[in-house]
Amino acid sequence: MTATICAELGAAADAVNRYRMRVAGLIENIGANHEDLVSAMYEAERALLSAERLLIRAEKIAR
């Protein structure tokens, strides 16, 4: 594969990681009365982690 594709996949994985960290940081600031919101945000964080792992896997395959 081309170096451009590998670089783009790596950049996308890095960006998703940064968004995941931002979501995780927001969770810490939510009060105890918002269980539904916290649950949804944890689910989003897990989905972003999965997306990051898949992008890293794709990058490795593309090499």
N, C-alpha and C. Protein backbone atom coordinates (compact mmCIF):
# COMPACT_ATOMS: atom_id res chain seq x y z
N MET A 1 0.84 -1.19 0.00
CA MET A 1 0.00 0.00 0.00
C MET A 1 0.88 1.25 0.00
N THR A 2 0.26 2.34 -0.25
CA THR A 2 1.03 3.57 -0.30
C THR A 2 1.30 4.11 1.10
N ALA A 3 2.36 4.86 1.19
CA ALA A 3 2.71 5.49 2.46
C ALA A 3 1.64 6.50 2.87
N THR A 4 0.98 7.10 1.90
CA THR A 4 -0.06 8.07 2.20
C THR A 4 -1.21 7.43 2.96
N ILE A 5 -1.62 6.25 2.53
CA ILE A 5 -2.72 5.55 3.20
C ILE A 5 -2.32 5.22 4.63
N CYS A 6 -1.13 4.70 4.81
CA CYS A 6 -0.66 4.37 6.16
C CYS A 6 -0.62 5.62 7.04
N ALA A 7 -0.13 6.70 6.50
CA ALA A 7 -0.04 7.94 7.26
C ALA A 7 -1.43 8.45 7.63
N GLU A 8 -2.37 8.38 6.71
CA GLU A 8 -3.73 8.85 6.98
C GLU A 8 -4.40 7.98 8.04
N LEU A 9 -4.20 6.68 7.96
CA LEU A 9 -4.78 5.79 8.97
C LEU A 9 -4.19 6.07 10.35
N GLY A 10 -2.88 6.28 10.40
CA GLY A 10 -2.23 6.62 11.67
C GLY A 10 -2.73 7.93 12.23
N ALA A 11 -2.90 8.91 11.36
CA ALA A 11 -3.40 10.22 11.80
C ALA A 11 -4.84 10.10 12.30
N ALA A 12 -5.65 9.31 11.62
CA ALA A 12 -7.03 9.11 12.05
C ALA A 12 -7.07 8.42 13.41
N ALA A 13 -6.22 7.42 13.61
CA ALA A 13 -6.16 6.71 14.90
C ALA A 13 -5.77 7.69 16.01
N ASP A 14 -4.81 8.56 15.74
CA ASP A 14 -4.38 9.55 16.74
C ASP A 14 -5.52 10.52 17.07
N ALA A 15 -6.25 10.95 16.05
CA ALA A 15 -7.36 11.88 16.26
C ALA A 15 -8.47 11.23 17.08
N VAL A 16 -8.79 9.98 16.77
CA VAL A 16 -9.82 9.27 17.52
C VAL A 16 -9.39 9.11 18.97
N ASN A 17 -8.11 8.83 19.19
CA ASN A 17 -7.59 8.71 20.56
C ASN A 17 -7.77 10.02 21.32
N ARG A 18 -7.49 11.13 20.67
CA ARG A 18 -7.66 12.43 21.33
C ARG A 18 -9.13 12.68 21.69
N TYR A 19 -10.04 12.34 20.78
CA TYR A 19 -11.47 12.50 21.07
C TYR A 19 -11.89 11.59 22.22
N ARG A 20 -11.37 10.37 22.24
CA ARG A 20 -11.70 9.45 23.33
C ARG A 20 -11.25 10.02 24.67
N MET A 21 -10.06 10.59 24.68
CA MET A 21 -9.55 11.19 25.92
C MET A 21 -10.40 12.39 26.35
N ARG A 22 -10.87 13.15 25.39
CA ARG A 22 -11.74 14.29 25.71
C ARG A 22 -13.04 13.83 26.34
N VAL A 23 -13.64 12.78 25.76
CA VAL A 23 -14.88 12.24 26.31
C VAL A 23 -14.63 11.71 27.71
N ALA A 24 -13.54 10.99 27.90
CA ALA A 24 -13.22 10.45 29.23
C ALA A 24 -13.06 11.57 30.25
N GLY A 25 -12.45 12.66 29.84
CA GLY A 25 -12.28 13.80 30.73
C GLY A 25 -13.60 14.45 31.12
N LEU A 26 -14.53 14.45 30.20
CA LEU A 26 -15.84 15.03 30.50
C LEU A 26 -16.62 14.19 31.50
N ILE A 27 -16.44 12.87 31.43
CA ILE A 27 -17.17 11.97 32.32
C ILE A 27 -16.85 12.27 33.78
N GLU A 28 -15.61 12.61 34.04
CA GLU A 28 -15.17 12.87 35.42
C GLU A 28 -15.89 14.06 36.04
N ASN A 29 -16.40 14.96 35.22
CA ASN A 29 -17.01 16.19 35.72
C ASN A 29 -18.53 16.13 35.84
N ILE A 30 -19.11 14.98 35.57
CA ILE A 30 -20.57 14.86 35.60
C ILE A 30 -21.01 14.41 36.99
N GLY A 31 -22.06 15.03 37.47
CA GLY A 31 -22.57 14.71 38.80
C GLY A 31 -23.23 13.34 38.86
N ALA A 32 -23.51 12.90 40.07
CA ALA A 32 -24.05 11.56 40.31
C ALA A 32 -25.49 11.41 39.83
N ASN A 33 -26.19 12.48 39.60
CA ASN A 33 -27.61 12.42 39.22
C ASN A 33 -27.83 12.20 37.73
N HIS A 34 -26.78 11.91 36.98
CA HIS A 34 -26.90 11.81 35.53
C HIS A 34 -26.40 10.45 35.04
N GLU A 35 -26.94 9.37 35.62
CA GLU A 35 -26.48 8.03 35.29
C GLU A 35 -26.64 7.70 33.81
N ASP A 36 -27.76 8.13 33.22
CA ASP A 36 -28.00 7.85 31.79
C ASP A 36 -26.95 8.52 30.91
N LEU A 37 -26.63 9.75 31.24
CA LEU A 37 -25.61 10.48 30.48
C LEU A 37 -24.25 9.82 30.62
N VAL A 38 -23.88 9.47 31.84
CA VAL A 38 -22.59 8.83 32.09
C VAL A 38 -22.52 7.50 31.34
N SER A 39 -23.59 6.73 31.38
CA SER A 39 -23.63 5.45 30.68
C SER A 39 -23.43 5.63 29.18
N ALA A 40 -24.12 6.60 28.62
CA ALA A 40 -23.99 6.87 27.18
C ALA A 40 -22.58 7.32 26.83
N MET A 41 -21.99 8.12 27.70
CA MET A 41 -20.64 8.60 27.43
C MET A 41 -19.60 7.49 27.54
N TYR A 42 -19.78 6.58 28.52
CA TYR A 42 -18.88 5.44 28.62
C TYR A 42 -19.01 4.56 27.37
N GLU A 43 -20.23 4.40 26.88
CA GLU A 43 -20.44 3.63 25.67
C GLU A 43 -19.74 4.29 24.48
N ALA A 44 -19.83 5.60 24.39
CA ALA A 44 -19.15 6.33 23.33
C ALA A 44 -17.64 6.18 23.45
N GLU A 45 -17.14 6.25 24.67
CA GLU A 45 -15.70 6.09 24.89
C GLU A 45 -15.22 4.71 24.43
N ARG A 46 -16.00 3.68 24.76
CA ARG A 46 -15.64 2.32 24.32
C ARG A 46 -15.68 2.20 22.81
N ALA A 47 -16.66 2.83 22.18
CA ALA A 47 -16.75 2.79 20.73
C ALA A 47 -15.56 3.49 20.08
N LEU A 48 -15.14 4.60 20.65
CA LEU A 48 -13.98 5.31 20.13
C LEU A 48 -12.70 4.48 20.31
N LEU A 49 -12.59 3.78 21.43
CA LEU A 49 -11.44 2.90 21.64
C LEU A 49 -11.43 1.79 20.60
N SER A 50 -12.58 1.23 20.33
CA SER A 50 -12.68 0.19 19.31
C SER A 50 -12.30 0.73 17.94
N ALA A 51 -12.77 1.93 17.62
CA ALA A 51 -12.44 2.55 16.34
C ALA A 51 -10.94 2.79 16.23
N GLU A 52 -10.34 3.24 17.31
CA GLU A 52 -8.89 3.48 17.30
C GLU A 52 -8.13 2.17 17.03
N ARG A 53 -8.52 1.12 17.71
CA ARG A 53 -7.86 -0.17 17.52
C ARG A 53 -8.02 -0.68 16.09
N LEU A 54 -9.21 -0.50 15.52
CA LEU A 54 -9.44 -0.93 14.15
C LEU A 54 -8.60 -0.13 13.15
N LEU A 55 -8.46 1.15 13.39
CA LEU A 55 -7.63 1.97 12.52
C LEU A 55 -6.16 1.57 12.60
N ILE A 56 -5.70 1.27 13.81
CA ILE A 56 -4.32 0.81 13.98
C ILE A 56 -4.12 -0.52 13.26
N ARG A 57 -5.10 -1.40 13.39
CA ARG A 57 -5.02 -2.70 12.70
C ARG A 57 -4.97 -2.50 11.19
N ALA A 58 -5.82 -1.61 10.68
CA ALA A 58 -5.83 -1.34 9.25
C ALA A 58 -4.48 -0.77 8.79
N GLU A 59 -3.92 0.10 9.60
CA GLU A 59 -2.61 0.68 9.27
C GLU A 59 -1.54 -0.42 9.16
N LYS A 60 -1.56 -1.34 10.11
CA LYS A 60 -0.58 -2.43 10.08
C LYS A 60 -0.79 -3.32 8.86
N ILE A 61 -2.01 -3.58 8.51
CA ILE A 61 -2.30 -4.41 7.33
C ILE A 61 -1.86 -3.70 6.06
N ALA A 62 -2.02 -2.39 6.03
CA ALA A 62 -1.68 -1.61 4.82
C ALA A 62 -0.19 -1.51 4.57
N ARG A 63 0.62 -1.81 5.56
CA ARG A 63 2.08 -1.70 5.40
C ARG A 63 2.62 -2.71 4.43
